[in-house]
Amino acid sequence: MSGVGEALRESSVINLSGAVTMVIDDSPFGLDLTCSALRGFGIRVRYSCHSAAAAMEILADQPIDLIVVDCEMPTVDGYELVRWLRRSVKPPNAMTPVIMTAAHMRRSKMLEARDCGANFVVTKPFSATTLLERIVWVARDTRPFLEVGDYFGPDRRVRDTGPKGEERRAAAIRQAAFVAEQARAAAVEAAEELQ
């Protein structure tokens, strides 16, 4: 029965027109671009902020359904803002989904975004389609919120169960065949060395 529920959930329509959305970016161009992309999906951006400080004032009092925040901002960056949101703000805002945006994302910064409590990271420049895919993913995310040590946020363990059924993507099939052939060649080489 859980398979049926999941199938219904994956095929359900998500209406984001009533979502109270906040975008935070110190770059006027980045702020306008993100807001325009969201409006293109029918999402009304209720709050657009040029700094984390302005966002903090609003988040302390107003319920927000979705936050899109730039990682790199002067004074208080996006990582600090999300940590503050998760630890200092009362529910429901403490559990508001957060999508972080970044122009350059090194592995260390990806880990920092995960560890501050963000739900997802999108690298700039992003397409409107990519942003929408991440919003839908966050809307369907069923990970529980955890409080472990100084961390409070969505469970950082994302379980990738992969697609169900036989692999049909040509590139994945070629990659699997290549890996299998390398393993076979290494085994043959090892066997020849033993003889």
Protein backbone atom coordinates (compact mmCIF):
# COMPACT_ATOMS: atom_id res chain seq x y z
CA MET A 1 0.00 0.00 0.00
CA SER A 2 2.90 2.37 0.66
CA GLY A 3 3.88 2.07 -3.02
CA VAL A 4 0.47 3.38 -4.04
CA GLY A 5 0.75 6.31 -1.61
CA GLU A 6 4.20 7.15 -2.95
CA ALA A 7 2.99 6.95 -6.56
CA LEU A 8 0.14 9.31 -5.72
CA ARG A 9 2.54 11.64 -3.96
CA GLU A 10 4.94 11.74 -6.92
CA SER A 11 2.14 12.42 -9.37
CA SER A 12 0.36 15.00 -7.22
CA VAL A 13 0.16 18.59 -8.37
CA ILE A 14 1.96 21.13 -6.22
CA ASN A 15 0.33 24.55 -6.07
CA LEU A 16 2.85 27.15 -4.91
CA SER A 17 0.81 30.26 -5.71
CA GLY A 18 -0.13 30.78 -2.04
CA ALA A 19 3.36 30.10 -0.66
CA VAL A 20 4.85 32.96 1.34
CA THR A 21 8.28 33.19 -0.25
CA MET A 22 11.39 35.15 0.69
CA VAL A 23 14.44 35.74 -1.53
CA ILE A 24 17.66 37.08 -0.02
CA ASP A 25 20.56 38.20 -2.20
CA ASP A 26 22.92 41.16 -1.84
CA SER A 27 23.22 41.44 -5.63
CA PRO A 28 20.33 43.43 -7.13
CA PHE A 29 20.74 41.48 -10.38
CA GLY A 30 20.70 38.11 -8.59
CA LEU A 31 17.71 39.14 -6.50
CA ASP A 32 15.73 40.28 -9.56
CA LEU A 33 16.67 37.18 -11.55
CA THR A 34 15.59 34.78 -8.79
CA CYS A 35 12.35 36.68 -8.14
CA SER A 36 11.55 36.70 -11.87
CA ALA A 37 12.13 32.95 -12.13
CA LEU A 38 9.83 32.32 -9.16
CA ARG A 39 7.13 34.61 -10.56
CA GLY A 40 7.35 32.64 -13.80
CA PHE A 41 6.15 29.57 -11.88
CA GLY A 42 3.28 31.48 -10.29
CA ILE A 43 5.11 31.93 -6.99
CA ARG A 44 4.62 35.37 -5.49
CA VAL A 45 7.71 36.61 -3.72
CA ARG A 46 6.33 38.36 -0.65
CA TYR A 47 9.72 39.45 0.71
CA SER A 48 12.88 40.30 -1.23
CA CYS A 49 15.82 41.32 0.92
CA HIS A 50 19.26 42.70 0.05
CA SER A 51 20.81 41.55 3.34
CA ALA A 52 20.56 38.84 5.96
CA ALA A 53 19.86 41.50 8.60
CA ALA A 54 16.73 42.67 6.76
CA ALA A 55 15.61 39.06 6.37
CA MET A 56 16.17 38.32 10.07
CA GLU A 57 13.81 41.12 11.09
CA ILE A 58 11.04 39.66 8.94
CA LEU A 59 11.74 36.03 9.87
CA ALA A 60 11.45 36.85 13.57
CA ASP A 61 7.79 37.87 13.14
CA GLN A 62 6.33 36.69 9.84
CA PRO A 63 5.65 33.05 8.85
CA ILE A 64 7.53 32.09 5.67
CA ASP A 65 6.94 28.96 3.55
CA LEU A 66 10.07 28.99 1.35
CA ILE A 67 13.42 30.80 1.51
CA VAL A 68 15.88 31.17 -1.36
CA VAL A 69 19.13 32.70 -0.09
CA ASP A 70 22.52 33.49 -1.58
CA CYS A 71 25.41 31.83 0.24
CA GLU A 72 27.95 34.62 -0.11
CA MET A 73 26.80 37.95 1.32
CA PRO A 74 28.75 40.60 3.26
CA THR A 75 28.47 40.88 7.05
CA VAL A 76 26.13 37.91 7.66
CA ASP A 77 26.36 35.30 4.91
CA GLY A 78 23.71 32.78 3.91
CA TYR A 79 25.25 30.00 6.03
CA GLU A 80 25.08 32.13 9.19
CA LEU A 81 21.52 33.16 8.34
CA VAL A 82 20.39 29.54 8.02
CA ARG A 83 22.15 28.56 11.27
CA TRP A 84 20.39 31.46 13.02
CA LEU A 85 17.07 30.47 11.45
CA ARG A 86 17.35 26.86 12.56
CA ARG A 87 18.58 27.60 16.11
CA SER A 88 17.10 30.97 17.10
CA VAL A 89 13.71 31.26 15.44
CA LYS A 90 10.63 29.50 16.74
CA PRO A 91 8.60 27.10 14.59
CA PRO A 92 7.25 27.19 11.99
CA ASN A 93 10.03 29.37 10.51
CA ALA A 94 12.79 27.29 12.12
CA MET A 95 11.69 24.45 9.82
CA THR A 96 11.08 26.51 6.68
CA PRO A 97 12.62 24.90 3.58
CA VAL A 98 15.77 26.73 2.50
CA ILE A 99 17.34 26.60 -0.95
CA MET A 100 20.78 28.20 -1.07
CA THR A 101 22.28 29.66 -4.25
CA ALA A 102 25.97 30.08 -4.96
CA ALA A 103 28.13 31.13 -7.89
CA HIS A 104 31.07 28.92 -6.97
CA MET A 105 30.50 25.81 -4.93
CA ARG A 106 33.51 23.92 -3.67
CA ARG A 107 32.96 20.66 -1.82
CA SER A 108 33.73 22.36 1.51
CA LYS A 109 30.99 24.92 0.86
CA MET A 110 28.53 22.17 -0.12
CA LEU A 111 29.24 20.50 3.21
CA GLU A 112 28.85 23.81 5.03
CA ALA A 113 25.45 24.35 3.37
CA ARG A 114 24.36 20.87 4.42
CA ASP A 115 25.70 21.34 7.95
CA CYS A 116 24.07 24.72 8.51
CA GLY A 117 20.64 23.20 7.85
CA ALA A 118 19.89 24.09 4.22
CA ASN A 119 17.62 21.76 2.29
CA PHE A 120 19.29 22.14 -1.10
CA VAL A 121 21.94 24.13 -2.98
CA VAL A 122 21.60 25.44 -6.54
CA THR A 123 24.65 26.79 -8.36
CA LYS A 124 24.51 30.01 -10.35
CA PRO A 125 23.81 30.62 -13.10
CA PHE A 126 20.83 28.33 -12.78
CA SER A 127 18.01 27.80 -15.23
CA ALA A 128 14.44 28.44 -14.18
CA THR A 129 13.76 24.74 -14.74
CA THR A 130 16.53 23.72 -12.34
CA LEU A 131 15.19 26.04 -9.66
CA LEU A 132 11.67 24.68 -10.11
CA GLU A 133 12.95 21.08 -9.89
CA ARG A 134 14.68 21.89 -6.59
CA ILE A 135 11.57 23.60 -5.21
CA VAL A 136 9.42 20.59 -6.11
CA TRP A 137 12.04 18.27 -4.58
CA VAL A 138 12.00 20.30 -1.36
CA ALA A 139 8.18 20.34 -1.35
CA ARG A 140 8.15 16.53 -1.57
CA ASP A 141 11.05 16.01 0.84
CA THR A 142 10.02 13.74 3.70
CA ARG A 143 13.25 13.90 5.71
CA PRO A 144 12.58 14.57 9.38
CA PHE A 145 14.16 17.48 11.22
CA LEU A 146 16.82 16.39 13.69
CA GLU A 147 18.53 18.06 16.61
CA VAL A 148 21.97 16.54 17.11
CA GLY A 149 24.60 18.45 19.07
CA ASP A 150 24.59 21.99 17.68
CA TYR A 151 22.83 20.92 14.46
CA PHE A 152 19.13 21.45 13.89
CA GLY A 153 17.74 20.90 10.43
CA PRO A 154 16.66 18.30 7.90
CA ASP A 155 18.23 14.87 8.24
CA ARG A 156 21.55 15.19 6.39
CA ARG A 157 21.41 11.58 5.24
CA VAL A 158 19.76 11.63 1.82
CA ARG A 159 18.88 8.14 0.79
CA ASP A 160 19.31 7.55 -2.92
CA THR A 161 17.42 4.39 -3.66
CA GLY A 162 17.87 4.91 -7.37
CA PRO A 163 15.29 4.24 -10.01
CA LYS A 164 13.20 1.13 -9.74
CA GLY A 165 13.53 -1.50 -12.45
CA GLU A 166 16.17 -2.19 -15.03
CA GLU A 167 18.59 0.58 -15.99
CA ARG A 168 17.67 2.01 -19.40
CA ARG A 169 19.96 5.03 -19.72
CA ALA A 170 22.61 4.33 -22.37
CA ALA A 171 25.37 6.28 -20.59
CA ALA A 172 24.79 4.42 -17.31
CA ILE A 173 24.79 1.06 -19.12
CA ARG A 174 28.06 1.95 -20.91
CA GLN A 175 29.61 3.11 -17.60
CA ALA A 176 28.60 -0.13 -15.85
CA ALA A 177 29.98 -2.21 -18.76
CA PHE A 178 33.25 -0.22 -18.66
CA VAL A 179 33.64 -0.73 -14.90
CA ALA A 180 32.86 -4.45 -15.26
CA GLU A 181 35.41 -4.78 -18.09
CA GLN A 182 38.09 -3.03 -16.01
CA ALA A 183 37.39 -5.36 -13.08
CA ARG A 184 37.54 -8.40 -15.38
CA ALA A 185 40.84 -7.21 -16.93
CA ALA A 186 42.33 -6.62 -13.47
CA ALA A 187 41.25 -10.12 -12.38
CA VAL A 188 42.81 -11.69 -15.50
CA GLU A 189 46.03 -9.75 -14.94
CA ALA A 190 46.16 -10.82 -11.28
CA ALA A 191 45.58 -14.46 -12.27
CA GLU A 192 48.37 -14.32 -14.88
CA GLU A 193 50.80 -12.90 -12.30
CA LEU A 194 50.05 -15.81 -9.96
CA GLN A 195 50.95 -18.36 -12.65
